[in-house]
PDB file of all heavy atoms in Angstrom:
ATOM      1  N   ARG A   1     -24.487  49.276 -13.702  1.00  0.00           N
ATOM      2  CA  ARG A   1     -23.267  49.106 -14.489  1.00  0.00           C
ATOM      3  C   ARG A   1     -22.258  48.250 -13.719  1.00  0.00           C
ATOM      4  O   ARG A   1     -22.405  48.052 -12.512  1.00  0.00           O
ATOM      5  CB  ARG A   1     -22.674  50.480 -14.812  1.00  0.00           C
ATOM      6  CG  ARG A   1     -23.438  51.224 -15.887  1.00  0.00           C
ATOM      7  CD  ARG A   1     -22.838  52.575 -16.198  1.00  0.00           C
ATOM      8  NE  ARG A   1     -23.167  53.563 -15.185  1.00  0.00           N
ATOM      9  CZ  ARG A   1     -23.145  54.876 -15.385  1.00  0.00           C
ATOM     10  NH1 ARG A   1     -22.814  55.347 -16.572  1.00  0.00           N
ATOM     11  NH2 ARG A   1     -23.445  55.718 -14.416  1.00  0.00           N
ATOM     12  N   PRO A   2     -21.231  47.739 -14.410  1.00  0.00           N
ATOM     13  CA  PRO A   2     -20.256  46.881 -13.727  1.00  0.00           C
ATOM     14  C   PRO A   2     -19.610  47.569 -12.523  1.00  0.00           C
ATOM     15  O   PRO A   2     -19.280  48.759 -12.580  1.00  0.00           O
ATOM     16  CB  PRO A   2     -19.221  46.590 -14.821  1.00  0.00           C
ATOM     17  CG  PRO A   2     -19.992  46.706 -16.101  1.00  0.00           C
ATOM     18  CD  PRO A   2     -20.972  47.814 -15.863  1.00  0.00           C
ATOM     19  N   MET A   3     -19.442  46.794 -11.447  1.00  0.00           N
ATOM     20  CA  MET A   3     -18.739  47.292 -10.268  1.00  0.00           C
ATOM     21  C   MET A   3     -17.270  47.518 -10.620  1.00  0.00           C
ATOM     22  O   MET A   3     -16.755  47.002 -11.613  1.00  0.00           O
ATOM     23  CB  MET A   3     -18.848  46.275  -9.136  1.00  0.00           C
ATOM     24  CG  MET A   3     -20.267  46.071  -8.633  1.00  0.00           C
ATOM     25  SD  MET A   3     -20.815  47.376  -7.524  1.00  0.00           S
ATOM     26  CE  MET A   3     -20.079  46.808  -5.978  1.00  0.00           C
ATOM     27  N   HIS A   4     -16.573  48.249  -9.777  1.00  0.00           N
ATOM     28  CA  HIS A   4     -15.172  48.607 -10.021  1.00  0.00           C
ATOM     29  C   HIS A   4     -14.332  47.369 -10.331  1.00  0.00           C
ATOM     30  O   HIS A   4     -14.302  46.413  -9.559  1.00  0.00           O
ATOM     31  CB  HIS A   4     -14.593  49.320  -8.804  1.00  0.00           C
ATOM     32  CG  HIS A   4     -13.157  49.697  -8.969  1.00  0.00           C
ATOM     33  ND1 HIS A   4     -12.750  50.711  -9.813  1.00  0.00           N
ATOM     34  CD2 HIS A   4     -12.014  49.183  -8.428  1.00  0.00           C
ATOM     35  CE1 HIS A   4     -11.438  50.816  -9.772  1.00  0.00           C
ATOM     36  NE2 HIS A   4     -10.967  49.903  -8.944  1.00  0.00           N
ATOM     37  N   GLY A   5     -13.664  47.386 -11.480  1.00  0.00           N
ATOM     38  CA  GLY A   5     -12.785  46.289 -11.870  1.00  0.00           C
ATOM     39  C   GLY A   5     -13.458  45.185 -12.656  1.00  0.00           C
ATOM     40  O   GLY A   5     -12.776  44.336 -13.247  1.00  0.00           O
ATOM     41  N   ASN A   6     -14.778  45.153 -12.667  1.00  0.00           N
ATOM     42  CA  ASN A   6     -15.495  44.094 -13.371  1.00  0.00           C
ATOM     43  C   ASN A   6     -15.725  44.451 -14.843  1.00  0.00           C
ATOM     44  O   ASN A   6     -15.837  45.627 -15.198  1.00  0.00           O
ATOM     45  CB  ASN A   6     -16.848  43.817 -12.708  1.00  0.00           C
ATOM     46  CG  ASN A   6     -16.702  43.087 -11.396  1.00  0.00           C
ATOM     47  OD1 ASN A   6     -15.693  42.422 -11.151  1.00  0.00           O
ATOM     48  ND2 ASN A   6     -17.702  43.187 -10.536  1.00  0.00           N
ATOM     49  N   GLU A   7     -15.814  43.401 -15.661  1.00  0.00           N
ATOM     50  CA  GLU A   7     -16.066  43.570 -17.086  1.00  0.00           C
ATOM     51  C   GLU A   7     -17.187  42.632 -17.523  1.00  0.00           C
ATOM     52  O   GLU A   7     -17.375  41.564 -16.937  1.00  0.00           O
ATOM     53  CB  GLU A   7     -14.815  43.229 -17.901  1.00  0.00           C
ATOM     54  CG  GLU A   7     -13.604  44.081 -17.582  1.00  0.00           C
ATOM     55  CD  GLU A   7     -12.373  43.558 -18.305  1.00  0.00           C
ATOM     56  OE1 GLU A   7     -12.175  43.940 -19.482  1.00  0.00           O
ATOM     57  OE2 GLU A   7     -11.631  42.750 -17.713  1.00  0.00           O
ATOM     58  N   ILE A   8     -17.910  43.045 -18.573  1.00  0.00           N
ATOM     59  CA  ILE A   8     -19.013  42.247 -19.120  1.00  0.00           C
ATOM     60  C   ILE A   8     -18.866  42.173 -20.643  1.00  0.00           C
ATOM     61  O   ILE A   8     -18.517  43.168 -21.292  1.00  0.00           O
ATOM     62  CB  ILE A   8     -20.379  42.876 -18.778  1.00  0.00           C
ATOM     63  CG1 ILE A   8     -20.678  42.721 -17.286  1.00  0.00           C
ATOM     64  CG2 ILE A   8     -21.500  42.244 -19.593  1.00  0.00           C
ATOM     65  CD1 ILE A   8     -21.985  43.352 -16.875  1.00  0.00           C
ATOM     66  N   ARG A   9     -19.135  40.998 -21.165  1.00  0.00           N
ATOM     67  CA  ARG A   9     -19.287  40.820 -22.611  1.00  0.00           C
ATOM     68  C   ARG A   9     -20.637  40.163 -22.870  1.00  0.00           C
ATOM     69  O   ARG A   9     -21.102  39.357 -22.059  1.00  0.00           O
ATOM     70  CB  ARG A   9     -18.181  39.935 -23.183  1.00  0.00           C
ATOM     71  CG  ARG A   9     -16.815  40.567 -23.236  1.00  0.00           C
ATOM     72  CD  ARG A   9     -15.765  39.533 -23.635  1.00  0.00           C
ATOM     73  NE  ARG A   9     -16.050  38.924 -24.940  1.00  0.00           N
ATOM     74  CZ  ARG A   9     -15.519  37.763 -25.351  1.00  0.00           C
ATOM     75  NH1 ARG A   9     -14.699  37.080 -24.566  1.00  0.00           N
ATOM     76  NH2 ARG A   9     -15.825  37.293 -26.550  1.00  0.00           N
ATOM     77  N   ILE A  10     -21.248  40.491 -24.002  1.00  0.00           N
ATOM     78  CA  ILE A  10     -22.478  39.835 -24.448  1.00  0.00           C
ATOM     79  C   ILE A  10     -22.126  39.092 -25.734  1.00  0.00           C
ATOM     80  O   ILE A  10     -21.682  39.702 -26.708  1.00  0.00           O
ATOM     81  CB  ILE A  10     -23.606  40.854 -24.715  1.00  0.00           C
ATOM     82  CG1 ILE A  10     -23.831  41.757 -23.481  1.00  0.00           C
ATOM     83  CG2 ILE A  10     -24.882  40.121 -25.101  1.00  0.00           C
ATOM     84  CD1 ILE A  10     -24.316  41.032 -22.241  1.00  0.00           C
ATOM     85  N   VAL A  11     -22.325  37.763 -25.719  1.00  0.00           N
ATOM     86  CA  VAL A  11     -21.866  36.960 -26.855  1.00  0.00           C
ATOM     87  C   VAL A  11     -22.983  36.071 -27.394  1.00  0.00           C
ATOM     88  O   VAL A  11     -23.967  35.783 -26.704  1.00  0.00           O
ATOM     89  CB  VAL A  11     -20.663  36.073 -26.458  1.00  0.00           C
ATOM     90  CG1 VAL A  11     -19.501  36.930 -25.953  1.00  0.00           C
ATOM     91  CG2 VAL A  11     -21.057  35.039 -25.408  1.00  0.00           C
ATOM     92  N   ASP A  12     -22.779  35.612 -28.630  1.00  0.00           N
ATOM     93  CA  ASP A  12     -23.726  34.681 -29.245  1.00  0.00           C
ATOM     94  C   ASP A  12     -23.325  33.247 -28.916  1.00  0.00           C
ATOM     95  O   ASP A  12     -22.394  33.010 -28.142  1.00  0.00           O
ATOM     96  CB  ASP A  12     -23.811  34.914 -30.751  1.00  0.00           C
ATOM     97  CG  ASP A  12     -22.466  34.709 -31.467  1.00  0.00           C
ATOM     98  OD1 ASP A  12     -21.568  34.046 -30.893  1.00  0.00           O
ATOM     99  OD2 ASP A  12     -22.321  35.208 -32.598  1.00  0.00           O
ATOM    100  N   GLU A  13     -24.002  32.279 -29.521  1.00  0.00           N
ATOM    101  CA  GLU A  13     -23.744  30.869 -29.223  1.00  0.00           C
ATOM    102  C   GLU A  13     -22.313  30.454 -29.557  1.00  0.00           C
ATOM    103  O   GLU A  13     -21.768  29.536 -28.963  1.00  0.00           O
ATOM    104  CB  GLU A  13     -24.733  29.985 -29.987  1.00  0.00           C
ATOM    105  CG  GLU A  13     -26.173  30.081 -29.494  1.00  0.00           C
ATOM    106  CD  GLU A  13     -26.373  29.505 -28.109  1.00  0.00           C
ATOM    107  OE1 GLU A  13     -25.567  28.630 -27.711  1.00  0.00           O
ATOM    108  OE2 GLU A  13     -27.311  29.925 -27.416  1.00  0.00           O
ATOM    109  N   ALA A  14     -21.693  31.146 -30.505  1.00  0.00           N
ATOM    110  CA  ALA A  14     -20.325  30.809 -30.897  1.00  0.00           C
ATOM    111  C   ALA A  14     -19.282  31.524 -30.049  1.00  0.00           C
ATOM    112  O   ALA A  14     -18.080  31.329 -30.243  1.00  0.00           O
ATOM    113  CB  ALA A  14     -20.120  31.163 -32.375  1.00  0.00           C
ATOM    114  N   GLY A  15     -19.732  32.364 -29.108  1.00  0.00           N
ATOM    115  CA  GLY A  15     -18.804  33.097 -28.263  1.00  0.00           C
ATOM    116  C   GLY A  15     -18.313  34.389 -28.869  1.00  0.00           C
ATOM    117  O   GLY A  15     -17.369  35.002 -28.347  1.00  0.00           O
ATOM    118  N   SER A  16     -18.945  34.853 -29.942  1.00  0.00           N
ATOM    119  CA  SER A  16     -18.558  36.105 -30.591  1.00  0.00           C
ATOM    120  C   SER A  16     -19.338  37.269 -29.994  1.00  0.00           C
ATOM    121  O   SER A  16     -20.527  37.141 -29.676  1.00  0.00           O
ATOM    122  CB  SER A  16     -18.829  36.028 -32.103  1.00  0.00           C
ATOM    123  OG  SER A  16     -18.090  34.972 -32.680  1.00  0.00           O
ATOM    124  N   ASP A  17     -18.678  38.416 -29.855  1.00  0.00           N
ATOM    125  CA  ASP A  17     -19.310  39.587 -29.257  1.00  0.00           C
ATOM    126  C   ASP A  17     -20.441  40.112 -30.124  1.00  0.00           C
ATOM    127  O   ASP A  17     -20.341  40.136 -31.361  1.00  0.00           O
ATOM    128  CB  ASP A  17     -18.273  40.687 -29.044  1.00  0.00           C
ATOM    129  CG  ASP A  17     -17.281  40.332 -27.959  1.00  0.00           C
ATOM    130  OD1 ASP A  17     -17.645  40.408 -26.779  1.00  0.00           O
ATOM    131  OD2 ASP A  17     -16.135  39.939 -28.300  1.00  0.00           O
ATOM    132  N   LEU A  18     -21.510  40.532 -29.455  1.00  0.00           N
ATOM    133  CA  LEU A  18     -22.679  41.086 -30.146  1.00  0.00           C
ATOM    134  C   LEU A  18     -22.686  42.606 -30.045  1.00  0.00           C
ATOM    135  O   LEU A  18     -22.128  43.186 -29.094  1.00  0.00           O
ATOM    136  CB  LEU A  18     -23.955  40.514 -29.522  1.00  0.00           C
ATOM    137  CG  LEU A  18     -24.199  39.023 -29.779  1.00  0.00           C
ATOM    138  CD1 LEU A  18     -25.290  38.492 -28.863  1.00  0.00           C
ATOM    139  CD2 LEU A  18     -24.570  38.791 -31.245  1.00  0.00           C
ATOM    140  N   PRO A  19     -23.335  43.288 -30.970  1.00  0.00           N
ATOM    141  CA  PRO A  19     -23.417  44.750 -30.916  1.00  0.00           C
ATOM    142  C   PRO A  19     -24.207  45.221 -29.692  1.00  0.00           C
ATOM    143  O   PRO A  19     -25.018  44.479 -29.127  1.00  0.00           O
ATOM    144  CB  PRO A  19     -24.169  45.113 -32.213  1.00  0.00           C
ATOM    145  CG  PRO A  19     -24.070  43.902 -33.081  1.00  0.00           C
ATOM    146  CD  PRO A  19     -23.994  42.731 -32.163  1.00  0.00           C
ATOM    147  N   VAL A  20     -23.979  46.456 -29.301  1.00  0.00           N
ATOM    148  CA  VAL A  20     -24.713  47.063 -28.182  1.00  0.00           C
ATOM    149  C   VAL A  20     -26.214  46.968 -28.460  1.00  0.00           C
ATOM    150  O   VAL A  20     -26.667  47.271 -29.571  1.00  0.00           O
ATOM    151  CB  VAL A  20     -24.298  48.538 -28.008  1.00  0.00           C
ATOM    152  CG1 VAL A  20     -25.222  49.239 -27.010  1.00  0.00           C
ATOM    153  CG2 VAL A  20     -22.854  48.632 -27.549  1.00  0.00           C
ATOM    154  N   GLY A  21     -26.961  46.533 -27.457  1.00  0.00           N
ATOM    155  CA  GLY A  21     -28.403  46.425 -27.590  1.00  0.00           C
ATOM    156  C   GLY A  21     -28.886  45.056 -28.001  1.00  0.00           C
ATOM    157  O   GLY A  21     -30.078  44.757 -27.884  1.00  0.00           O
ATOM    158  N   GLU A  22     -27.969  44.174 -28.494  1.00  0.00           N
ATOM    159  CA  GLU A  22     -28.362  42.830 -28.911  1.00  0.00           C
ATOM    160  C   GLU A  22     -28.270  41.881 -27.711  1.00  0.00           C
ATOM    161  O   GLU A  22     -27.263  41.867 -26.999  1.00  0.00           O
ATOM    162  CB  GLU A  22     -27.453  42.320 -30.026  1.00  0.00           C
ATOM    163  CG  GLU A  22     -27.687  42.983 -31.375  1.00  0.00           C
ATOM    164  CD  GLU A  22     -29.033  42.583 -31.969  1.00  0.00           C
ATOM    165  OE1 GLU A  22     -29.410  41.405 -31.859  1.00  0.00           O
ATOM    166  OE2 GLU A  22     -29.711  43.466 -32.525  1.00  0.00           O
ATOM    167  N   PRO A  23     -29.315  41.047 -27.462  1.00  0.00           N
ATOM    168  CA  PRO A  23     -29.254  40.122 -26.334  1.00  0.00           C
ATOM    169  C   PRO A  23     -28.393  38.899 -26.637  1.00  0.00           C
ATOM    170  O   PRO A  23     -28.355  38.411 -27.766  1.00  0.00           O
ATOM    171  CB  PRO A  23     -30.716  39.720 -26.123  1.00  0.00           C
ATOM    172  CG  PRO A  23     -31.342  39.883 -27.471  1.00  0.00           C
ATOM    173  CD  PRO A  23     -30.624  41.014 -28.142  1.00  0.00           C
ATOM    174  N   GLY A  24     -27.695  38.428 -25.639  1.00  0.00           N
ATOM    175  CA  GLY A  24     -26.874  37.228 -25.762  1.00  0.00           C
ATOM    176  C   GLY A  24     -26.455  36.765 -24.385  1.00  0.00           C
ATOM    177  O   GLY A  24     -26.874  37.322 -23.353  1.00  0.00           O
ATOM    178  N   GLU A  25     -25.623  35.723 -24.319  1.00  0.00           N
ATOM    179  CA  GLU A  25     -25.175  35.224 -23.018  1.00  0.00           C
ATOM    180  C   GLU A  25     -24.232  36.228 -22.372  1.00  0.00           C
ATOM    181  O   GLU A  25     -23.377  36.828 -23.033  1.00  0.00           O
ATOM    182  CB  GLU A  25     -24.479  33.879 -23.145  1.00  0.00           C
ATOM    183  CG  GLU A  25     -24.081  33.318 -21.776  1.00  0.00           C
ATOM    184  CD  GLU A  25     -23.506  31.917 -21.803  1.00  0.00           C
ATOM    185  OE1 GLU A  25     -23.269  31.389 -22.905  1.00  0.00           O
ATOM    186  OE2 GLU A  25     -23.296  31.359 -20.708  1.00  0.00           O
ATOM    187  N   ILE A  26     -24.379  36.394 -21.052  1.00  0.00           N
ATOM    188  CA  ILE A  26     -23.557  37.335 -20.293  1.00  0.00           C
ATOM    189  C   ILE A  26     -22.290  36.627 -19.828  1.00  0.00           C
ATOM    190  O   ILE A  26     -22.347  35.600 -19.150  1.00  0.00           O
ATOM    191  CB  ILE A  26     -24.334  37.869 -19.079  1.00  0.00           C
ATOM    192  CG1 ILE A  26     -25.617  38.569 -19.530  1.00  0.00           C
ATOM    193  CG2 ILE A  26     -23.465  38.825 -18.267  1.00  0.00           C
ATOM    194  CD1 ILE A  26     -26.593  38.842 -18.393  1.00  0.00           C
ATOM    195  N   LEU A  27     -21.138  37.194 -20.205  1.00  0.00           N
ATOM    196  CA  LEU A  27     -19.842  36.729 -19.716  1.00  0.00           C
ATOM    197  C   LEU A  27     -19.285  37.779 -18.766  1.00  0.00           C
ATOM    198  O   LEU A  27     -19.445  38.980 -19.006  1.00  0.00           O
ATOM    199  CB  LEU A  27     -18.856  36.534 -20.865  1.00  0.00           C
ATOM    200  CG  LEU A  27     -19.261  35.667 -22.059  1.00  0.00           C
ATOM    201  CD1 LEU A  27     -18.073  35.535 -23.017  1.00  0.00           C
ATOM    202  CD2 LEU A  27     -19.724  34.293 -21.602  1.00  0.00           C
ATOM    203  N   THR A  28     -18.628  37.332 -17.697  1.00  0.00           N
ATOM    204  CA  THR A  28     -18.080  38.285 -16.729  1.00  0.00           C
ATOM    205  C   THR A  28     -16.659  37.899 -16.339  1.00  0.00           C
ATOM    206  O   THR A  28     -16.264  36.737 -16.421  1.00  0.00           O
ATOM    207  CB  THR A  28     -18.930  38.340 -15.442  1.00  0.00           C
ATOM    208  OG1 THR A  28     -18.764  37.112 -14.705  1.00  0.00           O
ATOM    209  CG2 THR A  28     -20.395  38.556 -15.738  1.00  0.00           C
ATOM    210  N   ARG A  29     -15.898  38.892 -15.918  1.00  0.00           N
ATOM    211  CA  ARG A  29     -14.619  38.642 -15.256  1.00  0.00           C
ATOM    212  C   ARG A  29     -14.290  39.862 -14.408  1.00  0.00           C
ATOM    213  O   ARG A  29     -14.844  40.949 -14.596  1.00  0.00           O
ATOM    214  CB  ARG A  29     -13.506  38.339 -16.253  1.00  0.00           C
ATOM    215  CG  ARG A  29     -13.034  39.491 -17.101  1.00  0.00           C
ATOM    216  CD  ARG A  29     -11.891  39.061 -18.011  1.00  0.00           C
ATOM    217  NE  ARG A  29     -11.436  40.182 -18.842  1.00  0.00           N
ATOM    218  CZ  ARG A  29     -10.510  40.077 -19.793  1.00  0.00           C
ATOM    219  NH1 ARG A  29      -9.950  38.889 -20.046  1.00  0.00           N
ATOM    220  NH2 ARG A  29     -10.146  41.131 -20.496  1.00  0.00           N
ATOM    221  N   GLY A  30     -13.382  39.676 -13.459  1.00  0.00           N
ATOM    222  CA  GLY A  30     -13.025  40.765 -12.555  1.00  0.00           C
ATOM    223  C   GLY A  30     -12.405  40.209 -11.289  1.00  0.00           C
ATOM    224  O   GLY A  30     -12.312  38.982 -11.107  1.00  0.00           O
ATOM    225  N   PRO A  31     -11.981  41.078 -10.378  1.00  0.00           N
ATOM    226  CA  PRO A  31     -11.274  40.640  -9.172  1.00  0.00           C
ATOM    227  C   PRO A  31     -12.109  39.778  -8.234  1.00  0.00           C
ATOM    228  O   PRO A  31     -11.552  39.036  -7.425  1.00  0.00           O
ATOM    229  CB  PRO A  31     -10.885  41.966  -8.498  1.00  0.00           C
ATOM    230  CG  PRO A  31     -11.794  42.993  -9.084  1.00  0.00           C
ATOM    231  CD  PRO A  31     -12.073  42.539 -10.467  1.00  0.00           C
ATOM    232  N   GLU A  32     -13.443  39.858  -8.341  1.00  0.00           N
ATOM    233  CA  GLU A  32     -14.313  39.086  -7.444  1.00  0.00           C
ATOM    234  C   GLU A  32     -14.673  37.717  -8.008  1.00  0.00           C
ATOM    235  O   GLU A  32     -15.274  36.896  -7.302  1.00  0.00           O
ATOM    236  CB  GLU A  32     -15.612  39.855  -7.196  1.00  0.00           C
ATOM    237  CG  GLU A  32     -15.418  41.282  -6.760  1.00  0.00           C
ATOM    238  CD  GLU A  32     -16.662  42.115  -7.018  1.00  0.00           C
ATOM    239  OE1 GLU A  32     -17.769  41.560  -6.915  1.00  0.00           O
ATOM    240  OE2 GLU A  32     -16.520  43.306  -7.327  1.00  0.00           O
ATOM    241  N   ARG A  33     -14.342  37.481  -9.269  1.00  0.00           N
ATOM    242  CA  ARG A  33     -14.736  36.219  -9.905  1.00  0.00           C
ATOM    243  C   ARG A  33     -14.071  35.035  -9.208  1.00  0.00           C
ATOM    244  O   ARG A  33     -12.916  35.096  -8.826  1.00  0.00           O
ATOM    245  CB  ARG A  33     -14.325  36.245 -11.374  1.00  0.00           C
ATOM    246  CG  ARG A  33     -15.044  35.248 -12.264  1.00  0.00           C
ATOM    247  CD  ARG A  33     -14.093  34.698 -13.316  1.00  0.00           C
ATOM    248  NE  ARG A  33     -13.094  33.833 -12.710  1.00  0.00           N
ATOM    249  CZ  ARG A  33     -11.942  33.508 -13.292  1.00  0.00           C
ATOM    250  NH1 ARG A  33     -11.635  33.997 -14.459  1.00  0.00           N
ATOM    251  NH2 ARG A  33     -11.084  32.711 -12.681  1.00  0.00           N
ATOM    252  N   PHE A  34     -14.838  33.952  -9.043  1.00  0.00           N
ATOM    253  CA  PHE A  34     -14.342  32.787  -8.313  1.00  0.00           C
ATOM    254  C   PHE A  34     -13.160  32.130  -9.015  1.00  0.00           C
ATOM    255  O   PHE A  34     -12.859  32.395 -10.181  1.00  0.00           O
ATOM    256  CB  PHE A  34     -15.467  31.786  -8.083  1.00  0.00           C
ATOM    257  CG  PHE A  34     -15.916  30.988  -9.297  1.00  0.00           C
ATOM    258  CD1 PHE A  34     -16.072  29.612  -9.205  1.00  0.00           C
ATOM    259  CD2 PHE A  34     -16.218  31.603 -10.508  1.00  0.00           C
ATOM    260  CE1 PHE A  34     -16.515  28.871 -10.304  1.00  0.00           C
ATOM    261  CE2 PHE A  34     -16.654  30.867 -11.604  1.00  0.00           C
ATOM    262  CZ  PHE A  34     -16.794  29.496 -11.502  1.00  0.00           C
ATOM    263  N   LEU A  35     -12.473  31.241  -8.297  1.00  0.00           N
ATOM    264  CA  LEU A  35     -11.292  30.574  -8.834  1.00  0.00           C
ATOM    265  C   LEU A  35     -11.652  29.434  -9.773  1.00  0.00           C
ATOM    266  O   LEU A  35     -10.880  29.082 -10.669  1.00  0.00           O
ATOM    267  CB  LEU A  35     -10.440  30.020  -7.683  1.00  0.00           C
ATOM    268  CG  LEU A  35      -9.997  31.032  -6.615  1.00  0.00           C
ATOM    269  CD1 LEU A  35      -9.228  30.324  -5.512  1.00  0.00           C
ATOM    270  CD2 LEU A  35      -9.152  32.132  -7.240  1.00  0.00           C
ATOM    271  N   GLY A  36     -12.810  28.838  -9.557  1.00  0.00           N
ATOM    272  CA  GLY A  36     -13.247  27.684 -10.331  1.00  0.00           C
ATOM    273  C   GLY A  36     -14.097  26.792  -9.444  1.00  0.00           C
ATOM    274  O   GLY A  36     -14.376  27.117  -8.287  1.00  0.00           O
ATOM    275  N   TYR A  37     -14.518  25.661  -9.991  1.00  0.00           N
ATOM    276  CA  TYR A  37     -15.345  24.725  -9.237  1.00  0.00           C
ATOM    277  C   TYR A  37     -14.485  23.643  -8.585  1.00  0.00           C
ATOM    278  O   TYR A  37     -13.382  23.335  -9.050  1.00  0.00           O
ATOM    279  CB  TYR A  37     -16.377  24.066 -10.152  1.00  0.00           C
ATOM    280  CG  TYR A  37     -17.452  25.011 -10.643  1.00  0.00           C
ATOM    281  CD1 TYR A  37     -17.502  25.424 -11.973  1.00  0.00           C
ATOM    282  CD2 TYR A  37     -18.422  25.500  -9.767  1.00  0.00           C
ATOM    283  CE1 TYR A  37     -18.484  26.283 -12.427  1.00  0.00           C
ATOM    284  CE2 TYR A  37     -19.408  26.370 -10.209  1.00  0.00           C
ATOM    285  CZ  TYR A  37     -19.437  26.758 -11.543  1.00  0.00           C
ATOM    286  OH  TYR A  37     -20.410  27.622 -11.973  1.00  0.00           O
ATOM    287  N   LEU A  38     -15.027  23.075  -7.520  1.00  0.00           N
ATOM    288  CA  LEU A  38     -14.354  21.956  -6.864  1.00  0.00           C
ATOM    289  C   LEU A  38     -14.211  20.796  -7.834  1.00  0.00           C
ATOM    290  O   LEU A  38     -13.168  20.141  -7.892  1.00  0.00           O
ATOM    291  CB  LEU A  38     -15.156  21.537  -5.621  1.00  0.00           C
ATOM    292  CG  LEU A  38     -14.601  20.373  -4.809  1.00  0.00           C
ATOM    293  CD1 LEU A  38     -13.220  20.698  -4.247  1.00  0.00           C
ATOM    294  CD2 LEU A  38     -15.569  20.015  -3.670  1.00  0.00           C
ATOM    295  N   ASP A  39     -15.261  20.537  -8.582  1.00  0.00           N
ATOM    296  CA  ASP A  39     -15.219  19.531  -9.639  1.00  0.00           C
ATOM    297  C   ASP A  39     -14.642  20.198 -10.883  1.00  0.00           C
ATOM    298  O   ASP A  39     -15.317  20.940 -11.586  1.00  0.00           O
ATOM    299  CB  ASP A  39     -16.632  19.000  -9.917  1.00  0.00           C
ATOM    300  CG  ASP A  39     -16.667  17.934 -11.000  1.00  0.00           C
ATOM    301  OD1 ASP A  39     -15.632  17.701 -11.651  1.00  0.00           O
ATOM    302  OD2 ASP A  39     -17.747  17.334 -11.197  1.00  0.00           O
ATOM    303  N   LYS A  40     -13.371  19.938 -11.159  1.00  0.00           N
ATOM    304  CA  LYS A  40     -12.677  20.633 -12.240  1.00  0.00           C
ATOM    305  C   LYS A  40     -13.280  20.361 -13.616  1.00  0.00           C
ATOM    306  O   LYS A  40     -13.081  21.151 -14.546  1.00  0.00           O
ATOM    307  CB  LYS A  40     -11.186  20.266 -12.231  1.00  0.00           C
ATOM    308  CG  LYS A  40     -10.444  20.747 -10.998  1.00  0.00           C
ATOM    309  CD  LYS A  40     -10.637  22.242 -10.805  1.00  0.00           C
ATOM    310  CE  LYS A  40     -10.024  22.749  -9.519  1.00  0.00           C
ATOM    311  NZ  LYS A  40     -10.398  24.163  -9.239  1.00  0.00           N
TER     312      LYS A  40
END
């Protein structure tokens, strides 16, 4: 399960949340998430 402070969403190609149990792209955020890429 997500570590303390982390969150997960499972979304479809349009970025909409999917029901529990449905596979989709994993989105994450939380205190450990990076700031961004060097190449903006």
